[in-house]
Amino acid sequence: MLNFGPIAVPLAYGIFGLVVGVLQRFLYRLRHGDTRLLLYPFLVNSCFSMLEGDSDNLLFNFIKGGLVPMLVVWVGSCVLTQSPIAESGFAQE
């Protein structure tokens, strides 16, 4: 509100609502046992940080606290789906 005035406040909260809605849809689409559930606490914490932080703080926290776990989950998920056990049919739910 200090930088853009009171007119931009509803727009900022609208964008925040869209981010929270996308995150909620992401949670509902995940299946039980999906490794991407490990990222959900970080993403929820990021939503709280959006309310009180600046964009440079959000970017720093994303790189410092989220980039490595996201890469590990992504690489681990790719390796698991391409493993011989998954292809042979033993890893069925």
PDB file of N, CA and C in Angstrom:
ATOM      1  N   MET A   1       0.824  -1.184   0.000  1.00  0.00           N
ATOM      2  CA  MET A   1       0.000   0.000   0.000  1.00  0.00           C
ATOM      3  C   MET A   1       0.873   1.254   0.000  1.00  0.00           C
ATOM      4  N   LEU A   2       2.056   1.150   0.590  1.00  0.00           N
ATOM      5  CA  LEU A   2       2.938   2.303   0.604  1.00  0.00           C
ATOM      6  C   LEU A   2       3.474   2.622  -0.788  1.00  0.00           C
ATOM      7  N   ASN A   3       3.769   1.598  -1.568  1.00  0.00           N
ATOM      8  CA  ASN A   3       4.358   1.827  -2.881  1.00  0.00           C
ATOM      9  C   ASN A   3       3.330   2.152  -3.953  1.00  0.00           C
ATOM     10  N   PHE A   4       2.159   1.528  -3.902  1.00  0.00           N
ATOM     11  CA  PHE A   4       1.210   1.644  -5.003  1.00  0.00           C
ATOM     12  C   PHE A   4      -0.116   2.277  -4.628  1.00  0.00           C
ATOM     13  N   GLY A   5      -0.341   2.561  -3.378  1.00  0.00           N
ATOM     14  CA  GLY A   5      -1.570   3.207  -2.948  1.00  0.00           C
ATOM     15  C   GLY A   5      -2.664   2.202  -2.645  1.00  0.00           C
ATOM     16  N   PRO A   6      -3.786   2.683  -2.110  1.00  0.00           N
ATOM     17  CA  PRO A   6      -4.869   1.780  -1.693  1.00  0.00           C
ATOM     18  C   PRO A   6      -5.605   1.118  -2.862  1.00  0.00           C
ATOM     19  N   ILE A   7      -5.479   1.639  -4.063  1.00  0.00           N
ATOM     20  CA  ILE A   7      -6.156   1.052  -5.212  1.00  0.00           C
ATOM     21  C   ILE A   7      -5.572  -0.323  -5.555  1.00  0.00           C
ATOM     22  N   ALA A   8      -4.285  -0.516  -5.323  1.00  0.00           N
ATOM     23  CA  ALA A   8      -3.616  -1.767  -5.689  1.00  0.00           C
ATOM     24  C   ALA A   8      -3.810  -2.878  -4.672  1.00  0.00           C
ATOM     25  N   VAL A   9      -4.348  -2.569  -3.499  1.00  0.00           N
ATOM     26  CA  VAL A   9      -4.507  -3.591  -2.457  1.00  0.00           C
ATOM     27  C   VAL A   9      -5.459  -4.705  -2.903  1.00  0.00           C
ATOM     28  N   PRO A  10      -6.644  -4.413  -3.447  1.00  0.00           N
ATOM     29  CA  PRO A  10      -7.497  -5.519  -3.907  1.00  0.00           C
ATOM     30  C   PRO A  10      -6.852  -6.355  -5.010  1.00  0.00           C
ATOM     31  N   LEU A  11      -6.084  -5.726  -5.877  1.00  0.00           N
ATOM     32  CA  LEU A  11      -5.380  -6.461  -6.922  1.00  0.00           C
ATOM     33  C   LEU A  11      -4.338  -7.403  -6.312  1.00  0.00           C
ATOM     34  N   ALA A  12      -3.612  -6.924  -5.306  1.00  0.00           N
ATOM     35  CA  ALA A  12      -2.592  -7.764  -4.658  1.00  0.00           C
ATOM     36  C   ALA A  12      -3.244  -8.953  -3.960  1.00  0.00           C
ATOM     37  N   TYR A  13      -4.352  -8.724  -3.262  1.00  0.00           N
ATOM     38  CA  TYR A  13      -5.026  -9.835  -2.598  1.00  0.00           C
ATOM     39  C   TYR A  13      -5.701 -10.765  -3.599  1.00  0.00           C
ATOM     40  N   GLY A  14      -6.108 -10.256  -4.740  1.00  0.00           N
ATOM     41  CA  GLY A  14      -6.637 -11.115  -5.798  1.00  0.00           C
ATOM     42  C   GLY A  14      -5.569 -12.058  -6.334  1.00  0.00           C
ATOM     43  N   ILE A  15      -4.380 -11.535  -6.548  1.00  0.00           N
ATOM     44  CA  ILE A  15      -3.265 -12.373  -7.000  1.00  0.00           C
ATOM     45  C   ILE A  15      -2.922 -13.404  -5.927  1.00  0.00           C
ATOM     46  N   PHE A  16      -2.915 -12.974  -4.658  1.00  0.00           N
ATOM     47  CA  PHE A  16      -2.646 -13.904  -3.567  1.00  0.00           C
ATOM     48  C   PHE A  16      -3.705 -15.006  -3.520  1.00  0.00           C
ATOM     49  N   GLY A  17      -4.963 -14.647  -3.735  1.00  0.00           N
ATOM     50  CA  GLY A  17      -6.032 -15.650  -3.767  1.00  0.00           C
ATOM     51  C   GLY A  17      -5.860 -16.644  -4.900  1.00  0.00           C
ATOM     52  N   LEU A  18      -5.405 -16.180  -6.054  1.00  0.00           N
ATOM     53  CA  LEU A  18      -5.136 -17.086  -7.169  1.00  0.00           C
ATOM     54  C   LEU A  18      -4.010 -18.063  -6.839  1.00  0.00           C
ATOM     55  N   VAL A  19      -2.963 -17.570  -6.189  1.00  0.00           N
ATOM     56  CA  VAL A  19      -1.840 -18.435  -5.816  1.00  0.00           C
ATOM     57  C   VAL A  19      -2.294 -19.501  -4.827  1.00  0.00           C
ATOM     58  N   VAL A  20      -3.079 -19.100  -3.840  1.00  0.00           N
ATOM     59  CA  VAL A  20      -3.580 -20.061  -2.846  1.00  0.00           C
ATOM     60  C   VAL A  20      -4.524 -21.065  -3.511  1.00  0.00           C
ATOM     61  N   GLY A  21      -5.341 -20.619  -4.454  1.00  0.00           N
ATOM     62  CA  GLY A  21      -6.232 -21.530  -5.177  1.00  0.00           C
ATOM     63  C   GLY A  21      -5.470 -22.544  -6.015  1.00  0.00           C
ATOM     64  N   VAL A  22      -4.418 -22.104  -6.687  1.00  0.00           N
ATOM     65  CA  VAL A  22      -3.591 -23.026  -7.467  1.00  0.00           C
ATOM     66  C   VAL A  22      -2.914 -24.043  -6.552  1.00  0.00           C
ATOM     67  N   LEU A  23      -2.449 -23.582  -5.401  1.00  0.00           N
ATOM     68  CA  LEU A  23      -1.814 -24.489  -4.450  1.00  0.00           C
ATOM     69  C   LEU A  23      -2.819 -25.501  -3.897  1.00  0.00           C
ATOM     70  N   GLN A  24      -4.032 -25.076  -3.649  1.00  0.00           N
ATOM     71  CA  GLN A  24      -5.056 -25.995  -3.150  1.00  0.00           C
ATOM     72  C   GLN A  24      -5.425 -27.027  -4.219  1.00  0.00           C
ATOM     73  N   ARG A  25      -5.559 -26.607  -5.473  1.00  0.00           N
ATOM     74  CA  ARG A  25      -5.829 -27.560  -6.548  1.00  0.00           C
ATOM     75  C   ARG A  25      -4.679 -28.539  -6.728  1.00  0.00           C
ATOM     76  N   PHE A  26      -3.452 -28.068  -6.540  1.00  0.00           N
ATOM     77  CA  PHE A  26      -2.283 -28.929  -6.601  1.00  0.00           C
ATOM     78  C   PHE A  26      -2.370 -30.025  -5.541  1.00  0.00           C
ATOM     79  N   LEU A  27      -2.786 -29.671  -4.346  1.00  0.00           N
ATOM     80  CA  LEU A  27      -2.911 -30.654  -3.269  1.00  0.00           C
ATOM     81  C   LEU A  27      -4.003 -31.668  -3.568  1.00  0.00           C
ATOM     82  N   TYR A  28      -5.139 -31.229  -4.067  1.00  0.00           N
ATOM     83  CA  TYR A  28      -6.250 -32.140  -4.317  1.00  0.00           C
ATOM     84  C   TYR A  28      -5.987 -33.087  -5.482  1.00  0.00           C
ATOM     85  N   ARG A  29      -5.097 -32.713  -6.385  1.00  0.00           N
ATOM     86  CA  ARG A  29      -4.800 -33.579  -7.530  1.00  0.00           C
ATOM     87  C   ARG A  29      -3.747 -34.640  -7.224  1.00  0.00           C
ATOM     88  N   LEU A  30      -3.035 -34.480  -6.121  1.00  0.00           N
ATOM     89  CA  LEU A  30      -1.993 -35.446  -5.778  1.00  0.00           C
ATOM     90  C   LEU A  30      -2.614 -36.713  -5.205  1.00  0.00           C
ATOM     91  N   ARG A  31      -2.005 -37.824  -5.519  1.00  0.00           N
ATOM     92  CA  ARG A  31      -2.453 -39.107  -4.986  1.00  0.00           C
ATOM     93  C   ARG A  31      -1.707 -39.421  -3.701  1.00  0.00           C
ATOM     94  N   HIS A  32      -2.241 -40.358  -2.961  1.00  0.00           N
ATOM     95  CA  HIS A  32      -1.593 -40.813  -1.735  1.00  0.00           C
ATOM     96  C   HIS A  32      -0.244 -41.445  -2.087  1.00  0.00           C
ATOM     97  N   GLY A  33       0.796 -41.032  -1.404  1.00  0.00           N
ATOM     98  CA  GLY A  33       2.126 -41.564  -1.662  1.00  0.00           C
ATOM     99  C   GLY A  33       2.908 -40.804  -2.723  1.00  0.00           C
ATOM    100  N   ASP A  34       2.348 -39.750  -3.281  1.00  0.00           N
ATOM    101  CA  ASP A  34       3.066 -38.954  -4.278  1.00  0.00           C
ATOM    102  C   ASP A  34       4.189 -38.184  -3.580  1.00  0.00           C
ATOM    103  N   THR A  35       5.378 -38.224  -4.158  1.00  0.00           N
ATOM    104  CA  THR A  35       6.525 -37.575  -3.521  1.00  0.00           C
ATOM    105  C   THR A  35       6.410 -36.052  -3.535  1.00  0.00           C
ATOM    106  N   ARG A  36       5.569 -35.510  -4.397  1.00  0.00           N
ATOM    107  CA  ARG A  36       5.408 -34.059  -4.427  1.00  0.00           C
ATOM    108  C   ARG A  36       4.710 -33.524  -3.181  1.00  0.00           C
ATOM    109  N   LEU A  37       4.102 -34.413  -2.397  1.00  0.00           N
ATOM    110  CA  LEU A  37       3.527 -33.991  -1.114  1.00  0.00           C
ATOM    111  C   LEU A  37       4.603 -33.492  -0.159  1.00  0.00           C
ATOM    112  N   LEU A  38       5.836 -33.915  -0.353  1.00  0.00           N
ATOM    113  CA  LEU A  38       6.932 -33.436   0.481  1.00  0.00           C
ATOM    114  C   LEU A  38       7.194 -31.939   0.290  1.00  0.00           C
ATOM    115  N   LEU A  39       6.806 -31.398  -0.843  1.00  0.00           N
ATOM    116  CA  LEU A  39       7.016 -29.984  -1.133  1.00  0.00           C
ATOM    117  C   LEU A  39       5.890 -29.099  -0.599  1.00  0.00           C
ATOM    118  N   TYR A  40       4.784 -29.693  -0.229  1.00  0.00           N
ATOM    119  CA  TYR A  40       3.608 -28.910   0.145  1.00  0.00           C
ATOM    120  C   TYR A  40       3.842 -28.008   1.367  1.00  0.00           C
ATOM    121  N   PRO A  41       4.496 -28.473   2.442  1.00  0.00           N
ATOM    122  CA  PRO A  41       4.739 -27.549   3.565  1.00  0.00           C
ATOM    123  C   PRO A  41       5.553 -26.325   3.173  1.00  0.00           C
ATOM    124  N   PHE A  42       6.549 -26.507   2.320  1.00  0.00           N
ATOM    125  CA  PHE A  42       7.337 -25.359   1.864  1.00  0.00           C
ATOM    126  C   PHE A  42       6.460 -24.387   1.075  1.00  0.00           C
ATOM    127  N   LEU A  43       5.579 -24.901   0.233  1.00  0.00           N
ATOM    128  CA  LEU A  43       4.733 -24.031  -0.570  1.00  0.00           C
ATOM    129  C   LEU A  43       3.718 -23.285   0.284  1.00  0.00           C
ATOM    130  N   VAL A  44       3.171 -23.931   1.306  1.00  0.00           N
ATOM    131  CA  VAL A  44       2.248 -23.252   2.218  1.00  0.00           C
ATOM    132  C   VAL A  44       2.983 -22.167   2.994  1.00  0.00           C
ATOM    133  N   ASN A  45       4.182 -22.466   3.450  1.00  0.00           N
ATOM    134  CA  ASN A  45       4.990 -21.468   4.142  1.00  0.00           C
ATOM    135  C   ASN A  45       5.302 -20.289   3.226  1.00  0.00           C
ATOM    136  N   SER A  46       5.509 -20.557   1.958  1.00  0.00           N
ATOM    137  CA  SER A  46       5.760 -19.485   0.995  1.00  0.00           C
ATOM    138  C   SER A  46       4.541 -18.580   0.851  1.00  0.00           C
ATOM    139  N   CYS A  47       3.355 -19.158   0.945  1.00  0.00           N
ATOM    140  CA  CYS A  47       2.138 -18.333   0.877  1.00  0.00           C
ATOM    141  C   CYS A  47       2.056 -17.373   2.057  1.00  0.00           C
ATOM    142  N   PHE A  48       2.418 -17.852   3.251  1.00  0.00           N
ATOM    143  CA  PHE A  48       2.434 -16.956   4.410  1.00  0.00           C
ATOM    144  C   PHE A  48       3.507 -15.883   4.246  1.00  0.00           C
ATOM    145  N   SER A  49       4.631 -16.250   3.676  1.00  0.00           N
ATOM    146  CA  SER A  49       5.705 -15.283   3.473  1.00  0.00           C
ATOM    147  C   SER A  49       5.322 -14.230   2.440  1.00  0.00           C
ATOM    148  N   MET A  50       4.447 -14.572   1.519  1.00  0.00           N
ATOM    149  CA  MET A  50       3.999 -13.605   0.513  1.00  0.00           C
ATOM    150  C   MET A  50       3.269 -12.437   1.150  1.00  0.00           C
ATOM    151  N   LEU A  51       2.565 -12.709   2.248  1.00  0.00           N
ATOM    152  CA  LEU A  51       1.812 -11.652   2.905  1.00  0.00           C
ATOM    153  C   LEU A  51       2.712 -10.640   3.602  1.00  0.00           C
ATOM    154  N   GLU A  52       3.846 -11.076   4.089  1.00  0.00           N
ATOM    155  CA  GLU A  52       4.664 -10.183   4.892  1.00  0.00           C
ATOM    156  C   GLU A  52       6.012  -9.835   4.279  1.00  0.00           C
ATOM    157  N   GLY A  53       6.405 -10.490   3.197  1.00  0.00           N
ATOM    158  CA  GLY A  53       7.745 -10.280   2.662  1.00  0.00           C
ATOM    159  C   GLY A  53       7.758  -9.527   1.350  1.00  0.00           C
ATOM    160  N   ASP A  54       8.938  -9.079   1.000  1.00  0.00           N
ATOM    161  CA  ASP A  54       9.163  -8.439  -0.287  1.00  0.00           C
ATOM    162  C   ASP A  54       9.533  -9.499  -1.311  1.00  0.00           C
ATOM    163  N   SER A  55       9.509  -9.106  -2.570  1.00  0.00           N
ATOM    164  CA  SER A  55       9.804 -10.070  -3.627  1.00  0.00           C
ATOM    165  C   SER A  55      11.252 -10.558  -3.563  1.00  0.00           C
ATOM    166  N   ASP A  56      12.179  -9.700  -3.147  1.00  0.00           N
ATOM    167  CA  ASP A  56      13.564 -10.163  -3.048  1.00  0.00           C
ATOM    168  C   ASP A  56      13.721 -11.176  -1.917  1.00  0.00           C
ATOM    169  N   ASN A  57      12.990 -11.008  -0.818  1.00  0.00           N
ATOM    170  CA  ASN A  57      13.041 -11.990   0.268  1.00  0.00           C
ATOM    171  C   ASN A  57      12.397 -13.306  -0.159  1.00  0.00           C
ATOM    172  N   LEU A  58      11.321 -13.233  -0.911  1.00  0.00           N
ATOM    173  CA  LEU A  58      10.668 -14.452  -1.396  1.00  0.00           C
ATOM    174  C   LEU A  58      11.582 -15.221  -2.338  1.00  0.00           C
ATOM    175  N   LEU A  59      12.238 -14.513  -3.234  1.00  0.00           N
ATOM    176  CA  LEU A  59      13.165 -15.166  -4.161  1.00  0.00           C
ATOM    177  C   LEU A  59      14.338 -15.802  -3.420  1.00  0.00           C
ATOM    178  N   PHE A  60      14.890 -15.101  -2.443  1.00  0.00           N
ATOM    179  CA  PHE A  60      15.997 -15.649  -1.665  1.00  0.00           C
ATOM    180  C   PHE A  60      15.558 -16.902  -0.909  1.00  0.00           C
ATOM    181  N   ASN A  61      14.387 -16.857  -0.262  1.00  0.00           N
ATOM    182  CA  ASN A  61      13.901 -18.022   0.476  1.00  0.00           C
ATOM    183  C   ASN A  61      13.579 -19.183  -0.452  1.00  0.00           C
ATOM    184  N   PHE A  62      13.075 -18.879  -1.644  1.00  0.00           N
ATOM    185  CA  PHE A  62      12.793 -19.938  -2.608  1.00  0.00           C
ATOM    186  C   PHE A  62      14.078 -20.632  -3.044  1.00  0.00           C
ATOM    187  N   ILE A  63      15.102 -19.855  -3.349  1.00  0.00           N
ATOM    188  CA  ILE A  63      16.355 -20.445  -3.794  1.00  0.00           C
ATOM    189  C   ILE A  63      17.048 -21.160  -2.642  1.00  0.00           C
ATOM    190  N   LYS A  64      17.064 -20.546  -1.466  1.00  0.00           N
ATOM    191  CA  LYS A  64      17.782 -21.113  -0.330  1.00  0.00           C
ATOM    192  C   LYS A  64      17.079 -22.335   0.249  1.00  0.00           C
ATOM    193  N   GLY A  65      15.777 -22.277   0.401  1.00  0.00           N
ATOM    194  CA  GLY A  65      15.071 -23.342   1.095  1.00  0.00           C
ATOM    195  C   GLY A  65      14.254 -24.266   0.224  1.00  0.00           C
ATOM    196  N   GLY A  66      14.038 -23.921  -1.015  1.00  0.00           N
ATOM    197  CA  GLY A  66      13.159 -24.727  -1.834  1.00  0.00           C
ATOM    198  C   GLY A  66      13.747 -25.317  -3.086  1.00  0.00           C
ATOM    199  N   LEU A  67      14.785 -24.721  -3.595  1.00  0.00           N
ATOM    200  CA  LEU A  67      15.324 -25.179  -4.879  1.00  0.00           C
ATOM    201  C   LEU A  67      15.928 -26.577  -4.782  1.00  0.00           C
ATOM    202  N   VAL A  68      16.741 -26.817  -3.773  1.00  0.00           N
ATOM    203  CA  VAL A  68      17.371 -28.135  -3.636  1.00  0.00           C
ATOM    204  C   VAL A  68      16.329 -29.217  -3.335  1.00  0.00           C
ATOM    205  N   PRO A  69      15.394 -29.012  -2.381  1.00  0.00           N
ATOM    206  CA  PRO A  69      14.380 -30.056  -2.179  1.00  0.00           C
ATOM    207  C   PRO A  69      13.525 -30.315  -3.419  1.00  0.00           C
ATOM    208  N   MET A  70      13.198 -29.273  -4.167  1.00  0.00           N
ATOM    209  CA  MET A  70      12.415 -29.471  -5.386  1.00  0.00           C
ATOM    210  C   MET A  70      13.196 -30.270  -6.421  1.00  0.00           C
ATOM    211  N   LEU A  71      14.484 -29.985  -6.545  1.00  0.00           N
ATOM    212  CA  LEU A  71      15.315 -30.749  -7.482  1.00  0.00           C
ATOM    213  C   LEU A  71      15.439 -32.202  -7.055  1.00  0.00           C
ATOM    214  N   VAL A  72      15.596 -32.439  -5.754  1.00  0.00           N
ATOM    215  CA  VAL A  72      15.715 -33.814  -5.256  1.00  0.00           C
ATOM    216  C   VAL A  72      14.422 -34.585  -5.504  1.00  0.00           C
ATOM    217  N   VAL A  73      13.279 -33.975  -5.235  1.00  0.00           N
ATOM    218  CA  VAL A  73      11.989 -34.643  -5.472  1.00  0.00           C
ATOM    219  C   VAL A  73      11.791 -34.882  -6.961  1.00  0.00           C
ATOM    220  N   TRP A  74      12.141 -33.911  -7.791  1.00  0.00           N
ATOM    221  CA  TRP A  74      11.958 -34.055  -9.231  1.00  0.00           C
ATOM    222  C   TRP A  74      12.856 -35.165  -9.794  1.00  0.00           C
ATOM    223  N   VAL A  75      14.124 -35.148  -9.414  1.00  0.00           N
ATOM    224  CA  VAL A  75      15.045 -36.169  -9.910  1.00  0.00           C
ATOM    225  C   VAL A  75      14.660 -37.535  -9.351  1.00  0.00           C
ATOM    226  N   GLY A  76      14.310 -37.597  -8.082  1.00  0.00           N
ATOM    227  CA  GLY A  76      13.900 -38.862  -7.482  1.00  0.00           C
ATOM    228  C   GLY A  76      12.636 -39.420  -8.101  1.00  0.00           C
ATOM    229  N   SER A  77      11.714 -38.567  -8.449  1.00  0.00           N
ATOM    230  CA  SER A  77      10.482 -39.022  -9.092  1.00  0.00           C
ATOM    231  C   SER A  77      10.756 -39.521 -10.501  1.00  0.00           C
ATOM    232  N   CYS A  78      11.646 -38.851 -11.230  1.00  0.00           N
ATOM    233  CA  CYS A  78      11.985 -39.298 -12.580  1.00  0.00           C
ATOM    234  C   CYS A  78      12.723 -40.620 -12.543  1.00  0.00           C
ATOM    235  N   VAL A  79      13.614 -40.799 -11.600  1.00  0.00           N
ATOM    236  CA  VAL A  79      14.373 -42.045 -11.494  1.00  0.00           C
ATOM    237  C   VAL A  79      13.438 -43.182 -11.127  1.00  0.00           C
ATOM    238  N   LEU A  80      12.511 -42.945 -10.237  1.00  0.00           N
ATOM    239  CA  LEU A  80      11.606 -43.993  -9.799  1.00  0.00           C
ATOM    240  C   LEU A  80      10.684 -44.456 -10.921  1.00  0.00           C
ATOM    241  N   THR A  81      10.190 -43.538 -11.733  1.00  0.00           N
ATOM    242  CA  THR A  81       9.285 -43.937 -12.802  1.00  0.00           C
ATOM    243  C   THR A  81      10.012 -44.632 -13.943  1.00  0.00           C
ATOM    244  N   GLN A  82      11.315 -44.451 -14.052  1.00  0.00           N
ATOM    245  CA  GLN A  82      12.074 -45.083 -15.117  1.00  0.00           C
ATOM    246  C   GLN A  82      12.878 -46.287 -14.629  1.00  0.00           C
ATOM    247  N   SER A  83      12.616 -46.719 -13.415  1.00  0.00           N
ATOM    248  CA  SER A  83      13.366 -47.856 -12.879  1.00  0.00           C
ATOM    249  C   SER A  83      12.830 -49.162 -13.462  1.00  0.00           C
ATOM    250  N   PRO A  84      13.637 -50.210 -13.504  1.00  0.00           N
ATOM    251  CA  PRO A  84      13.178 -51.497 -14.045  1.00  0.00           C
ATOM    252  C   PRO A  84      12.038 -52.096 -13.231  1.00  0.00           C
ATOM    253  N   ILE A  85      11.995 -51.828 -11.946  1.00  0.00           N
ATOM    254  CA  ILE A  85      10.916 -52.368 -11.115  1.00  0.00           C
ATOM    255  C   ILE A  85       9.590 -51.731 -11.506  1.00  0.00           C
ATOM    256  N   ALA A  86       9.597 -50.426 -11.754  1.00  0.00           N
ATOM    257  CA  ALA A  86       8.363 -49.749 -12.142  1.00  0.00           C
ATOM    258  C   ALA A  86       7.885 -50.225 -13.511  1.00  0.00           C
ATOM    259  N   GLU A  87       8.824 -50.526 -14.411  1.00  0.00           N
ATOM    260  CA  GLU A  87       8.445 -50.970 -15.747  1.00  0.00           C
ATOM    261  C   GLU A  87       7.949 -52.413 -15.755  1.00  0.00           C
ATOM    262  N   SER A  88       8.406 -53.211 -14.814  1.00  0.00           N
ATOM    263  CA  SER A  88       7.997 -54.624 -14.792  1.00  0.00           C
ATOM    264  C   SER A  88       6.626 -54.833 -14.175  1.00  0.00           C
ATOM    265  N   GLY A  89       6.082 -53.828 -13.513  1.00  0.00           N
ATOM    266  CA  GLY A  89       4.744 -53.939 -12.970  1.00  0.00           C
ATOM    267  C   GLY A  89       4.701 -54.259 -11.496  1.00  0.00           C
ATOM    268  N   PHE A  90       5.834 -54.324 -10.818  1.00  0.00           N
ATOM    269  CA  PHE A  90       5.850 -54.622  -9.389  1.00  0.00           C
ATOM    270  C   PHE A  90       5.483 -53.415  -8.547  1.00  0.00           C
ATOM    271  N   ALA A  91       5.633 -52.212  -9.071  1.00  0.00           N
ATOM    272  CA  ALA A  91       5.398 -51.001  -8.293  1.00  0.00           C
ATOM    273  C   ALA A  91       4.008 -50.447  -8.555  1.00  0.00           C
ATOM    274  N   GLN A  92       3.002 -51.273  -8.553  1.00  0.00           N
ATOM    275  CA  GLN A  92       1.641 -50.817  -8.780  1.00  0.00           C
ATOM    276  C   GLN A  92       1.013 -50.458  -7.446  1.00  0.00           C
ATOM    277  N   GLU A  93       0.078 -49.508  -7.502  1.00  0.00           N
ATOM    278  CA  GLU A  93      -0.592 -49.065  -6.282  1.00  0.00           C
ATOM    279  C   GLU A  93      -1.726 -49.968  -5.933  1.00  0.00           C
TER     280      GLU A  93
END
